Amino acid sequence: MKPTRVQEVLDNILKTRWSAFVWGPPGVGKSSIVREIAARKKWKLLDVRASLLDPTDLRGIPAIEDGMAKWCPPSFLPSGNSKGILFFDELNAAPPLVQASLYQLTLDRRIGEYILPDGWRIIAAGNRAEDASVTFRMPAALANRFIHLDYEVDFDDWRAWAIRGKVFPLVVAFLSTRKELLFDMSNTDRGFPTPRSWEMVSDVLKQIGNTKDIRDVLLGIIGEGAAIEFLGYCDNAINEETIKKILADPEGAKLPKKLGDQYALISYVTHTAASNRNLEAAAVLINRLKPELAVLLLRDILKIKPKFMLQKNVQKFMAEHKDLVI
């Protein structure tokens, strides 16, 4: 399932009492989706790493009360009338005995005397055995207590997220021309390309501002092959000064012919549109770009600025290209 579908399914599962398990490779955004759902619903999120627990941790410890042993549950388990998600990240990285300690909680929503509040739901996530990660085989009895979802990387979903998350324009532009490098686990010795790795690249570029000073750092983030390709793209891509000249004269300036430069222009315009800059220039450019690229720019900006639709030049484009926009 692509990320948007996983999110849609989780939203529906959370309306039931059943638990869900999200399977996927490292660095693709499994945990982020759970955090986004909790934030959108304004629910609490309790992130528990089962790999750090002992089999008895969830049960708690006994205390003597009126001559009898009463079990005191751990303080990290939720209580009260709140709503939230109890998230067991990296669950299958925990040893089998720890996983077995979750049998009762995931199915009956209780452990001994402790009862999970009605407003709380359980989601877990983990890597697959083929992902070169530390994993233990999940016991069949535990697996049968979950609704299992397979998370797959999808470029269009990532691009939509990257625009909202203000990922550095050159990263979005490069990956628009080399989508297969968004995620590549062909060499996992050290750094390798994942959505998380490219977010790291974006953050480093935001701090330093250019690729010349981070060439050696990129090798340790996305690996040698992807780093060489990305640096080659950046060295030959249209520069920011040229893009600013285009935006200063969107009606008359000469537009780039190379597809990679066109993607760079679109990514830069979208990035600046988030802060209400260059919106009028973007509306003019939509009528000058090739229709397919214009639609991409239009959709990108509308994701962050819905009122962009009110621009006269945007409405003109919409009237002329209804078949492409719908």
C-alpha atoms as a PDB file:
ATOM      1  CA  MET A   1       0.000   0.000   0.000  1.00  0.00           C
ATOM      2  CA  LYS A   2       1.225   3.497  -0.745  1.00  0.00           C
ATOM      3  CA  PRO A   3       1.385   5.898   2.240  1.00  0.00           C
ATOM      4  CA  THR A   4      -1.907   7.692   1.575  1.00  0.00           C
ATOM      5  CA  ARG A   5      -3.709   4.350   1.412  1.00  0.00           C
ATOM      6  CA  VAL A   6      -2.048   3.178   4.652  1.00  0.00           C
ATOM      7  CA  GLN A   7      -3.204   6.373   6.341  1.00  0.00           C
ATOM      8  CA  GLU A   8      -6.736   5.933   5.023  1.00  0.00           C
ATOM      9  CA  VAL A   9      -6.926   2.326   6.234  1.00  0.00           C
ATOM     10  CA  LEU A  10      -5.479   3.178   9.648  1.00  0.00           C
ATOM     11  CA  ASP A  11      -8.075   5.930  10.069  1.00  0.00           C
ATOM     12  CA  ASN A  12     -10.797   3.313   9.604  1.00  0.00           C
ATOM     13  CA  ILE A  13      -9.122   0.673  11.792  1.00  0.00           C
ATOM     14  CA  LEU A  14      -8.881   3.205  14.615  1.00  0.00           C
ATOM     15  CA  LYS A  15     -12.675   3.329  14.631  1.00  0.00           C
ATOM     16  CA  THR A  16     -12.661  -0.317  15.752  1.00  0.00           C
ATOM     17  CA  ARG A  17     -11.046  -2.021  18.740  1.00  0.00           C
ATOM     18  CA  TRP A  18      -8.590  -4.025  16.620  1.00  0.00           C
ATOM     19  CA  SER A  19      -4.823  -3.473  16.533  1.00  0.00           C
ATOM     20  CA  ALA A  20      -2.828  -2.796  13.340  1.00  0.00           C
ATOM     21  CA  PHE A  21       0.751  -3.634  12.340  1.00  0.00           C
ATOM     22  CA  VAL A  22       2.538  -1.631   9.624  1.00  0.00           C
ATOM     23  CA  TRP A  23       5.324  -3.512   7.813  1.00  0.00           C
ATOM     24  CA  GLY A  24       7.953  -1.744   5.720  1.00  0.00           C
ATOM     25  CA  PRO A  25      11.645  -1.067   5.108  1.00  0.00           C
ATOM     26  CA  PRO A  26      13.608   1.422   7.238  1.00  0.00           C
ATOM     27  CA  GLY A  27      13.434   5.154   6.606  1.00  0.00           C
ATOM     28  CA  VAL A  28      10.220   5.239   4.574  1.00  0.00           C
ATOM     29  CA  GLY A  29       7.936   7.024   7.055  1.00  0.00           C
ATOM     30  CA  LYS A  30       6.005   4.354   8.946  1.00  0.00           C
ATOM     31  CA  SER A  31       6.400   6.144  12.281  1.00  0.00           C
ATOM     32  CA  SER A  32       5.713   9.537  10.704  1.00  0.00           C
ATOM     33  CA  ILE A  33       2.317   8.417   9.442  1.00  0.00           C
ATOM     34  CA  VAL A  34       1.284   7.344  12.946  1.00  0.00           C
ATOM     35  CA  ARG A  35       2.477  10.680  14.371  1.00  0.00           C
ATOM     36  CA  GLU A  36       0.587  12.588  11.659  1.00  0.00           C
ATOM     37  CA  ILE A  37      -2.632  10.687  12.381  1.00  0.00           C
ATOM     38  CA  ALA A  38      -2.364  11.374  16.118  1.00  0.00           C
ATOM     39  CA  ALA A  39      -1.636  15.064  15.502  1.00  0.00           C
ATOM     40  CA  ARG A  40      -4.517  15.435  13.053  1.00  0.00           C
ATOM     41  CA  LYS A  41      -6.949  13.792  15.459  1.00  0.00           C
ATOM     42  CA  LYS A  42      -5.444  15.741  18.374  1.00  0.00           C
ATOM     43  CA  TRP A  43      -4.896  12.458  20.199  1.00  0.00           C
ATOM     44  CA  LYS A  44      -2.030  11.655  22.515  1.00  0.00           C
ATOM     45  CA  LEU A  45       0.732   9.460  21.128  1.00  0.00           C
ATOM     46  CA  LEU A  46       2.597   7.071  23.392  1.00  0.00           C
ATOM     47  CA  ASP A  47       5.647   5.660  21.587  1.00  0.00           C
ATOM     48  CA  VAL A  48       6.903   2.492  23.283  1.00  0.00           C
ATOM     49  CA  ARG A  49       9.980   0.657  21.966  1.00  0.00           C
ATOM     50  CA  ALA A  50       9.333  -2.992  22.730  1.00  0.00           C
ATOM     51  CA  SER A  51      12.991  -3.804  22.035  1.00  0.00           C
ATOM     52  CA  LEU A  52      13.894  -1.890  25.220  1.00  0.00           C
ATOM     53  CA  LEU A  53      11.457  -3.818  27.418  1.00  0.00           C
ATOM     54  CA  ASP A  54      11.846  -6.938  29.496  1.00  0.00           C
ATOM     55  CA  PRO A  55       9.043  -9.523  29.363  1.00  0.00           C
ATOM     56  CA  THR A  56       7.793  -8.457  32.817  1.00  0.00           C
ATOM     57  CA  ASP A  57       7.883  -4.678  32.247  1.00  0.00           C
ATOM     58  CA  LEU A  58       4.329  -4.403  30.934  1.00  0.00           C
ATOM     59  CA  ARG A  59       2.950  -6.478  33.814  1.00  0.00           C
ATOM     60  CA  GLY A  60       4.445  -4.123  36.378  1.00  0.00           C
ATOM     61  CA  ILE A  61       5.512  -5.020  39.908  1.00  0.00           C
ATOM     62  CA  PRO A  62       3.489  -6.319  42.871  1.00  0.00           C
ATOM     63  CA  ALA A  63       2.764  -4.346  46.023  1.00  0.00           C
ATOM     64  CA  ILE A  64       1.301  -5.656  49.269  1.00  0.00           C
ATOM     65  CA  GLU A  65      -2.120  -4.229  50.060  1.00  0.00           C
ATOM     66  CA  ASP A  66      -4.282  -5.662  52.886  1.00  0.00           C
ATOM     67  CA  GLY A  67      -2.099  -8.727  52.962  1.00  0.00           C
ATOM     68  CA  MET A  68      -2.534  -9.403  49.254  1.00  0.00           C
ATOM     69  CA  ALA A  69      -0.319  -8.768  46.220  1.00  0.00           C
ATOM     70  CA  LYS A  70      -1.674  -6.058  43.955  1.00  0.00           C
ATOM     71  CA  TRP A  71       0.029  -5.494  40.616  1.00  0.00           C
ATOM     72  CA  CYS A  72       1.105  -1.920  39.865  1.00  0.00           C
ATOM     73  CA  PRO A  73       1.238  -1.294  36.087  1.00  0.00           C
ATOM     74  CA  PRO A  74       4.110   0.779  34.648  1.00  0.00           C
ATOM     75  CA  SER A  75       3.580   4.546  34.615  1.00  0.00           C
ATOM     76  CA  PHE A  76       4.022   4.798  30.833  1.00  0.00           C
ATOM     77  CA  LEU A  77       0.789   2.926  30.098  1.00  0.00           C
ATOM     78  CA  PRO A  78      -2.144   5.317  29.505  1.00  0.00           C
ATOM     79  CA  SER A  79      -4.885   5.925  32.044  1.00  0.00           C
ATOM     80  CA  GLY A  80      -7.928   8.162  32.425  1.00  0.00           C
ATOM     81  CA  ASN A  81     -10.472   9.287  29.842  1.00  0.00           C
ATOM     82  CA  SER A  82      -8.064  10.608  27.212  1.00  0.00           C
ATOM     83  CA  LYS A  83      -7.834   9.450  23.598  1.00  0.00           C
ATOM     84  CA  GLY A  84      -4.609   8.303  22.050  1.00  0.00           C
ATOM     85  CA  ILE A  85      -2.524   5.783  20.157  1.00  0.00           C
ATOM     86  CA  LEU A  86      -0.340   3.285  21.986  1.00  0.00           C
ATOM     87  CA  PHE A  87       2.388   2.827  19.389  1.00  0.00           C
ATOM     88  CA  PHE A  88       4.787  -0.115  19.596  1.00  0.00           C
ATOM     89  CA  ASP A  89       7.475   0.899  17.101  1.00  0.00           C
ATOM     90  CA  GLU A  90      10.060  -1.686  16.007  1.00  0.00           C
ATOM     91  CA  LEU A  91       7.947  -4.338  17.727  1.00  0.00           C
ATOM     92  CA  ASN A  92       9.464  -7.309  15.918  1.00  0.00           C
ATOM     93  CA  ALA A  93      12.960  -6.149  16.936  1.00  0.00           C
ATOM     94  CA  ALA A  94      12.021  -7.284  20.446  1.00  0.00           C
ATOM     95  CA  PRO A  95      12.906 -10.847  21.539  1.00  0.00           C
ATOM     96  CA  PRO A  96      10.085 -13.439  21.291  1.00  0.00           C
ATOM     97  CA  LEU A  97       9.395 -13.413  25.049  1.00  0.00           C
ATOM     98  CA  VAL A  98       8.816  -9.652  24.986  1.00  0.00           C
ATOM     99  CA  GLN A  99       6.531 -10.006  21.976  1.00  0.00           C
ATOM    100  CA  ALA A 100       4.638 -12.753  23.810  1.00  0.00           C
ATOM    101  CA  SER A 101       4.033 -10.393  26.719  1.00  0.00           C
ATOM    102  CA  LEU A 102       1.785  -8.379  24.379  1.00  0.00           C
ATOM    103  CA  TYR A 103      -0.656 -11.220  23.674  1.00  0.00           C
ATOM    104  CA  GLN A 104      -3.308 -10.113  26.127  1.00  0.00           C
ATOM    105  CA  LEU A 105      -2.881  -6.363  25.601  1.00  0.00           C
ATOM    106  CA  THR A 106      -3.256  -6.480  21.792  1.00  0.00           C
ATOM    107  CA  LEU A 107      -6.325  -8.736  21.853  1.00  0.00           C
ATOM    108  CA  ASP A 108      -8.134  -8.180  25.160  1.00  0.00           C
ATOM    109  CA  ARG A 109      -6.818  -4.627  25.748  1.00  0.00           C
ATOM    110  CA  ARG A 110      -5.642  -5.539  29.223  1.00  0.00           C
ATOM    111  CA  ILE A 111      -2.681  -6.996  31.109  1.00  0.00           C
ATOM    112  CA  GLY A 112      -3.645  -8.671  34.342  1.00  0.00           C
ATOM    113  CA  GLU A 113      -5.498  -6.055  36.387  1.00  0.00           C
ATOM    114  CA  TYR A 114      -4.605  -3.195  34.019  1.00  0.00           C
ATOM    115  CA  ILE A 115      -7.235  -2.244  31.415  1.00  0.00           C
ATOM    116  CA  LEU A 116      -6.425  -0.026  28.425  1.00  0.00           C
ATOM    117  CA  PRO A 117      -8.787   3.000  28.435  1.00  0.00           C
ATOM    118  CA  ASP A 118     -11.594   2.911  25.865  1.00  0.00           C
ATOM    119  CA  GLY A 119     -10.255   5.974  24.057  1.00  0.00           C
ATOM    120  CA  TRP A 120      -6.929   4.336  23.210  1.00  0.00           C
ATOM    121  CA  ARG A 121      -5.990   2.240  20.181  1.00  0.00           C
ATOM    122  CA  ILE A 122      -2.928   0.088  19.457  1.00  0.00           C
ATOM    123  CA  ILE A 123      -0.709   0.380  16.368  1.00  0.00           C
ATOM    124  CA  ALA A 124       2.634  -1.360  15.883  1.00  0.00           C
ATOM    125  CA  ALA A 125       5.290  -1.155  13.179  1.00  0.00           C
ATOM    126  CA  GLY A 126       8.415  -2.994  12.176  1.00  0.00           C
ATOM    127  CA  ASN A 127      10.877  -3.868   9.431  1.00  0.00           C
ATOM    128  CA  ARG A 128      10.704  -7.008   7.342  1.00  0.00           C
ATOM    129  CA  ALA A 129      13.206  -9.857   7.560  1.00  0.00           C
ATOM    130  CA  GLU A 130      14.594  -8.954   4.117  1.00  0.00           C
ATOM    131  CA  ASP A 131      15.384  -5.363   5.152  1.00  0.00           C
ATOM    132  CA  ALA A 132      18.821  -6.089   6.636  1.00  0.00           C
ATOM    133  CA  SER A 133      17.493  -5.020  10.036  1.00  0.00           C
ATOM    134  CA  VAL A 134      17.417  -6.654  13.462  1.00  0.00           C
ATOM    135  CA  THR A 135      14.190  -8.651  13.550  1.00  0.00           C
ATOM    136  CA  PHE A 136      12.759 -11.681  15.302  1.00  0.00           C
ATOM    137  CA  ARG A 137      10.070 -13.870  13.802  1.00  0.00           C
ATOM    138  CA  MET A 138       6.718 -12.786  15.170  1.00  0.00           C
ATOM    139  CA  PRO A 139       4.907 -15.588  17.014  1.00  0.00           C
ATOM    140  CA  ALA A 140       1.855 -16.762  15.113  1.00  0.00           C
ATOM    141  CA  ALA A 141      -0.348 -16.156  18.148  1.00  0.00           C
ATOM    142  CA  LEU A 142       0.691 -12.470  18.191  1.00  0.00           C
ATOM    143  CA  ALA A 143       0.557 -12.043  14.400  1.00  0.00           C
ATOM    144  CA  ASN A 144      -3.040 -13.270  14.399  1.00  0.00           C
ATOM    145  CA  ARG A 145      -4.016 -10.455  16.752  1.00  0.00           C
ATOM    146  CA  PHE A 146      -3.083  -7.711  14.259  1.00  0.00           C
ATOM    147  CA  ILE A 147      -4.448  -6.346  10.994  1.00  0.00           C
ATOM    148  CA  HIS A 148      -1.301  -6.305   8.831  1.00  0.00           C
ATOM    149  CA  LEU A 149      -0.555  -3.506   6.357  1.00  0.00           C
ATOM    150  CA  ASP A 150       2.374  -3.466   3.897  1.00  0.00           C
ATOM    151  CA  TYR A 151       3.865   0.022   3.468  1.00  0.00           C
ATOM    152  CA  GLU A 152       5.382   0.805   0.061  1.00  0.00           C
ATOM    153  CA  VAL A 153       7.336   3.874  -1.072  1.00  0.00           C
ATOM    154  CA  ASP A 154       5.425   6.003  -3.583  1.00  0.00           C
ATOM    155  CA  PHE A 155       7.055   9.010  -5.226  1.00  0.00           C
ATOM    156  CA  ASP A 156       3.873  11.028  -5.771  1.00  0.00           C
ATOM    157  CA  ASP A 157       2.926  10.656  -2.106  1.00  0.00           C
ATOM    158  CA  TRP A 158       6.454  11.612  -1.061  1.00  0.00           C
ATOM    159  CA  ARG A 159       6.448  14.670  -3.345  1.00  0.00           C
ATOM    160  CA  ALA A 160       3.185  15.886  -1.811  1.00  0.00           C
ATOM    161  CA  TRP A 161       4.687  15.451   1.663  1.00  0.00           C
ATOM    162  CA  ALA A 162       7.971  17.111   0.635  1.00  0.00           C
ATOM    163  CA  ILE A 163       6.135  20.187  -0.607  1.00  0.00           C
ATOM    164  CA  ARG A 164       4.191  20.522   2.629  1.00  0.00           C
ATOM    165  CA  GLY A 165       7.336  19.828   4.649  1.00  0.00           C
ATOM    166  CA  LYS A 166       9.347  22.401   2.683  1.00  0.00           C
ATOM    167  CA  VAL A 167      12.053  20.012   1.514  1.00  0.00           C
ATOM    168  CA  PHE A 168      14.933  21.834  -0.210  1.00  0.00           C
ATOM    169  CA  PRO A 169      13.894  22.553  -3.850  1.00  0.00           C
ATOM    170  CA  LEU A 170      16.942  20.919  -5.482  1.00  0.00           C
ATOM    171  CA  VAL A 171      16.182  17.640  -3.688  1.00  0.00           C
ATOM    172  CA  VAL A 172      12.598  17.609  -4.978  1.00  0.00           C
ATOM    173  CA  ALA A 173      13.709  18.627  -8.467  1.00  0.00           C
ATOM    174  CA  PHE A 174      16.431  15.963  -8.681  1.00  0.00           C
ATOM    175  CA  LEU A 175      14.189  13.164  -7.480  1.00  0.00           C
ATOM    176  CA  SER A 176      11.523  14.239  -9.959  1.00  0.00           C
ATOM    177  CA  THR A 177      14.013  13.248 -12.674  1.00  0.00           C
ATOM    178  CA  ARG A 178      15.350  10.140 -10.846  1.00  0.00           C
ATOM    179  CA  LYS A 179      12.361   8.752  -8.962  1.00  0.00           C
ATOM    180  CA  GLU A 180      13.995   5.364  -8.500  1.00  0.00           C
ATOM    181  CA  LEU A 181      16.605   6.974  -6.223  1.00  0.00           C
ATOM    182  CA  LEU A 182      14.021   7.992  -3.643  1.00  0.00           C
ATOM    183  CA  PHE A 183      14.486   4.531  -2.158  1.00  0.00           C
ATOM    184  CA  ASP A 184      17.309   2.146  -3.026  1.00  0.00           C
ATOM    185  CA  MET A 185      18.565  -0.617  -0.739  1.00  0.00           C
ATOM    186  CA  SER A 186      20.937  -2.222  -3.236  1.00  0.00           C
ATOM    187  CA  ASN A 187      23.873  -1.215  -1.006  1.00  0.00           C
ATOM    188  CA  THR A 188      23.154  -0.828   2.696  1.00  0.00           C
ATOM    189  CA  ASP A 189      26.671  -0.899   4.143  1.00  0.00           C
ATOM    190  CA  ARG A 190      26.332   2.697   5.357  1.00  0.00           C
ATOM    191  CA  GLY A 191      24.299   5.533   3.898  1.00  0.00           C
ATOM    192  CA  PHE A 192      21.689   4.715   1.257  1.00  0.00           C
ATOM    193  CA  PRO A 193      18.744   6.575  -0.279  1.00  0.00           C
ATOM    194  CA  THR A 194      15.469   6.544   1.631  1.00  0.00           C
ATOM    195  CA  PRO A 195      12.841   9.243   2.186  1.00  0.00           C
ATOM    196  CA  ARG A 196      14.426   9.799   5.610  1.00  0.00           C
ATOM    197  CA  SER A 197      17.925  10.116   4.087  1.00  0.00           C
ATOM    198  CA  TRP A 198      16.758  12.717   1.568  1.00  0.00           C
ATOM    199  CA  GLU A 199      15.163  14.687   4.394  1.00  0.00           C
ATOM    200  CA  MET A 200      18.593  14.684   6.059  1.00  0.00           C
ATOM    201  CA  VAL A 201      20.136  15.977   2.815  1.00  0.00           C
ATOM    202  CA  SER A 202      17.504  18.724   2.695  1.00  0.00           C
ATOM    203  CA  ASP A 203      18.185  19.818   6.281  1.00  0.00           C
ATOM    204  CA  VAL A 204      21.942  19.927   5.679  1.00  0.00           C
ATOM    205  CA  LEU A 205      21.472  21.998   2.509  1.00  0.00           C
ATOM    206  CA  LYS A 206      19.214  24.439   4.355  1.00  0.00           C
ATOM    207  CA  GLN A 207      21.962  25.027   6.893  1.00  0.00           C
ATOM    208  CA  ILE A 208      24.878  25.296   4.472  1.00  0.00           C
ATOM    209  CA  GLY A 209      23.121  26.620   1.371  1.00  0.00           C
ATOM    210  CA  ASN A 210      25.188  24.907  -1.341  1.00  0.00           C
ATOM    211  CA  THR A 211      26.434  21.452  -2.317  1.00  0.00           C
ATOM    212  CA  LYS A 212      30.114  22.349  -2.699  1.00  0.00           C
ATOM    213  CA  ASP A 213      30.701  22.294   1.055  1.00  0.00           C
ATOM    214  CA  ILE A 214      28.885  19.022   1.779  1.00  0.00           C
ATOM    215  CA  ARG A 215      30.119  16.664  -0.934  1.00  0.00           C
ATOM    216  CA  ASP A 216      31.851  14.415   1.589  1.00  0.00           C
ATOM    217  CA  VAL A 217      28.842  14.546   3.920  1.00  0.00           C
ATOM    218  CA  LEU A 218      26.423  13.414   1.198  1.00  0.00           C
ATOM    219  CA  LEU A 219      28.374  10.188   0.780  1.00  0.00           C
ATOM    220  CA  GLY A 220      27.555   9.309   4.371  1.00  0.00           C
ATOM    221  CA  ILE A 221      23.859  10.113   3.989  1.00  0.00           C
ATOM    222  CA  ILE A 222      22.742   8.641   0.661  1.00  0.00           C
ATOM    223  CA  GLY A 223      25.738   6.577  -0.430  1.00  0.00           C
ATOM    224  CA  GLU A 224      28.266   7.079  -3.204  1.00  0.00           C
ATOM    225  CA  GLY A 225      26.130   6.359  -6.286  1.00  0.00           C
ATOM    226  CA  ALA A 226      23.189   8.588  -5.353  1.00  0.00           C
ATOM    227  CA  ALA A 227      25.525  11.318  -4.060  1.00  0.00           C
ATOM    228  CA  ILE A 228      27.477  11.455  -7.328  1.00  0.00           C
ATOM    229  CA  GLU A 229      24.293  11.704  -9.373  1.00  0.00           C
ATOM    230  CA  PHE A 230      22.776  14.356  -7.110  1.00  0.00           C
ATOM    231  CA  LEU A 231      25.955  16.454  -7.111  1.00  0.00           C
ATOM    232  CA  GLY A 232      26.202  16.176 -10.896  1.00  0.00           C
ATOM    233  CA  TYR A 233      22.626  17.379 -11.200  1.00  0.00           C
ATOM    234  CA  CYS A 234      23.216  20.304  -8.838  1.00  0.00           C
ATOM    235  CA  ASP A 235      26.410  21.359 -10.629  1.00  0.00           C
ATOM    236  CA  ASN A 236      24.577  21.594 -13.953  1.00  0.00           C
ATOM    237  CA  ALA A 237      21.158  22.737 -12.779  1.00  0.00           C
ATOM    238  CA  ILE A 238      19.755  26.209 -13.305  1.00  0.00           C
ATOM    239  CA  ASN A 239      20.961  28.485 -10.506  1.00  0.00           C
ATOM    240  CA  GLU A 240      18.889  30.525  -8.090  1.00  0.00           C
ATOM    241  CA  GLU A 241      19.931  33.836  -9.638  1.00  0.00           C
ATOM    242  CA  THR A 242      18.547  32.781 -13.034  1.00  0.00           C
ATOM    243  CA  ILE A 243      15.307  31.589 -11.451  1.00  0.00           C
ATOM    244  CA  LYS A 244      14.899  34.935  -9.668  1.00  0.00           C
ATOM    245  CA  LYS A 245      15.315  36.759 -12.987  1.00  0.00           C
ATOM    246  CA  ILE A 246      12.544  34.606 -14.474  1.00  0.00           C
ATOM    247  CA  LEU A 247      10.261  35.383 -11.550  1.00  0.00           C
ATOM    248  CA  ALA A 248      11.015  39.082 -11.841  1.00  0.00           C
ATOM    249  CA  ASP A 249       9.817  39.009 -15.472  1.00  0.00           C
ATOM    250  CA  PRO A 250       7.543  35.938 -15.749  1.00  0.00           C
ATOM    251  CA  GLU A 251       5.951  37.150 -19.004  1.00  0.00           C
ATOM    252  CA  GLY A 252       9.089  37.926 -20.962  1.00  0.00           C
ATOM    253  CA  ALA A 253      11.993  35.973 -19.449  1.00  0.00           C
ATOM    254  CA  LYS A 254      13.393  33.028 -21.390  1.00  0.00           C
ATOM    255  CA  LEU A 255      12.367  29.721 -19.791  1.00  0.00           C
ATOM    256  CA  PRO A 256      14.795  26.789 -19.408  1.00  0.00           C
ATOM    257  CA  LYS A 257      14.604  24.026 -22.016  1.00  0.00           C
ATOM    258  CA  LYS A 258      16.178  21.164 -20.049  1.00  0.00           C
ATOM    259  CA  LEU A 259      13.618  19.035 -18.206  1.00  0.00           C
ATOM    260  CA  GLY A 260      15.780  18.954 -15.067  1.00  0.00           C
ATOM    261  CA  ASP A 261      15.927  22.763 -15.028  1.00  0.00           C
ATOM    262  CA  GLN A 262      12.173  22.985 -15.519  1.00  0.00           C
ATOM    263  CA  TYR A 263      11.668  20.744 -12.488  1.00  0.00           C
ATOM    264  CA  ALA A 264      14.102  22.938 -10.539  1.00  0.00           C
ATOM    265  CA  LEU A 265      12.100  26.041 -11.501  1.00  0.00           C
ATOM    266  CA  ILE A 266       8.826  24.383 -10.440  1.00  0.00           C
ATOM    267  CA  SER A 267      10.300  23.213  -7.127  1.00  0.00           C
ATOM    268  CA  TYR A 268      11.747  26.649  -6.332  1.00  0.00           C
ATOM    269  CA  VAL A 269       8.481  28.449  -7.150  1.00  0.00           C
ATOM    270  CA  THR A 270       6.480  26.016  -5.018  1.00  0.00           C
ATOM    271  CA  HIS A 271       8.968  26.327  -2.160  1.00  0.00           C
ATOM    272  CA  THR A 272       8.690  30.126  -2.115  1.00  0.00           C
ATOM    273  CA  ALA A 273       4.914  30.039  -2.572  1.00  0.00           C
ATOM    274  CA  ALA A 274       4.611  28.520   0.897  1.00  0.00           C
ATOM    275  CA  SER A 275       5.532  31.961   2.291  1.00  0.00           C
ATOM    276  CA  ASN A 276       3.240  33.822  -0.136  1.00  0.00           C
ATOM    277  CA  ARG A 277       6.110  34.847  -2.396  1.00  0.00           C
ATOM    278  CA  ASN A 278       5.998  34.718  -6.208  1.00  0.00           C
ATOM    279  CA  LEU A 279       2.350  33.628  -6.385  1.00  0.00           C
ATOM    280  CA  GLU A 280       1.505  36.127  -9.131  1.00  0.00           C
ATOM    281  CA  ALA A 281       4.602  35.157 -11.095  1.00  0.00           C
ATOM    282  CA  ALA A 282       3.673  31.478 -10.702  1.00  0.00           C
ATOM    283  CA  ALA A 283       0.214  32.169 -12.120  1.00  0.00           C
ATOM    284  CA  VAL A 284       1.814  33.741 -15.199  1.00  0.00           C
ATOM    285  CA  LEU A 285       4.301  30.882 -15.635  1.00  0.00           C
ATOM    286  CA  ILE A 286       1.512  28.313 -15.595  1.00  0.00           C
ATOM    287  CA  ASN A 287       0.371  29.702 -18.934  1.00  0.00           C
ATOM    288  CA  ARG A 288       3.897  29.589 -20.395  1.00  0.00           C
ATOM    289  CA  LEU A 289       5.070  26.129 -19.334  1.00  0.00           C
ATOM    290  CA  LYS A 290       4.194  22.968 -21.198  1.00  0.00           C
ATOM    291  CA  PRO A 291       0.698  21.951 -20.051  1.00  0.00           C
ATOM    292  CA  GLU A 292       1.934  18.781 -18.292  1.00  0.00           C
ATOM    293  CA  LEU A 293       4.487  20.732 -16.257  1.00  0.00           C
ATOM    294  CA  ALA A 294       2.038  23.574 -15.680  1.00  0.00           C
ATOM    295  CA  VAL A 295      -0.440  21.107 -14.153  1.00  0.00           C
ATOM    296  CA  LEU A 296       2.307  19.787 -11.878  1.00  0.00           C
ATOM    297  CA  LEU A 297       3.126  23.328 -10.692  1.00  0.00           C
ATOM    298  CA  LEU A 298      -0.570  24.126 -10.237  1.00  0.00           C
ATOM    299  CA  ARG A 299      -1.243  21.013  -8.155  1.00  0.00           C
ATOM    300  CA  ASP A 300       1.887  21.524  -6.069  1.00  0.00           C
ATOM    301  CA  ILE A 301       0.965  25.090  -5.117  1.00  0.00           C
ATOM    302  CA  LEU A 302      -2.699  24.260  -4.488  1.00  0.00           C
ATOM    303  CA  LYS A 303      -1.616  21.693  -1.893  1.00  0.00           C
ATOM    304  CA  ILE A 304      -0.197  24.488   0.252  1.00  0.00           C
ATOM    305  CA  LYS A 305      -2.101  27.549  -1.039  1.00  0.00           C
ATOM    306  CA  PRO A 306      -5.681  26.624  -2.092  1.00  0.00           C
ATOM    307  CA  LYS A 307      -6.522  30.308  -2.711  1.00  0.00           C
ATOM    308  CA  PHE A 308      -4.028  30.239  -5.593  1.00  0.00           C
ATOM    309  CA  MET A 309      -7.033  29.087  -7.631  1.00  0.00           C
ATOM    310  CA  LEU A 310      -8.430  32.640  -7.416  1.00  0.00           C
ATOM    311  CA  GLN A 311      -5.606  34.092  -9.540  1.00  0.00           C
ATOM    312  CA  LYS A 312      -6.947  35.267 -12.924  1.00  0.00           C
ATOM    313  CA  ASN A 313      -4.136  33.593 -14.855  1.00  0.00           C
ATOM    314  CA  VAL A 314      -4.818  30.318 -13.037  1.00  0.00           C
ATOM    315  CA  GLN A 315      -8.496  30.487 -13.935  1.00  0.00           C
ATOM    316  CA  LYS A 316      -7.507  31.176 -17.538  1.00  0.00           C
ATOM    317  CA  PHE A 317      -5.330  28.070 -17.600  1.00  0.00           C
ATOM    318  CA  MET A 318      -8.078  25.998 -15.980  1.00  0.00           C
ATOM    319  CA  ALA A 319     -10.575  27.074 -18.639  1.00  0.00           C
ATOM    320  CA  GLU A 320      -8.188  26.114 -21.453  1.00  0.00           C
ATOM    321  CA  HIS A 321      -6.987  22.810 -19.997  1.00  0.00           C
ATOM    322  CA  LYS A 322      -9.926  21.297 -18.127  1.00  0.00           C
ATOM    323  CA  ASP A 323      -9.121  17.864 -19.523  1.00  0.00           C
ATOM    324  CA  LEU A 324      -5.641  17.900 -17.933  1.00  0.00           C
ATOM    325  CA  VAL A 325      -6.535  19.400 -14.569  1.00  0.00           C
ATOM    326  CA  ILE A 326      -9.563  17.274 -13.692  1.00  0.00           C
END
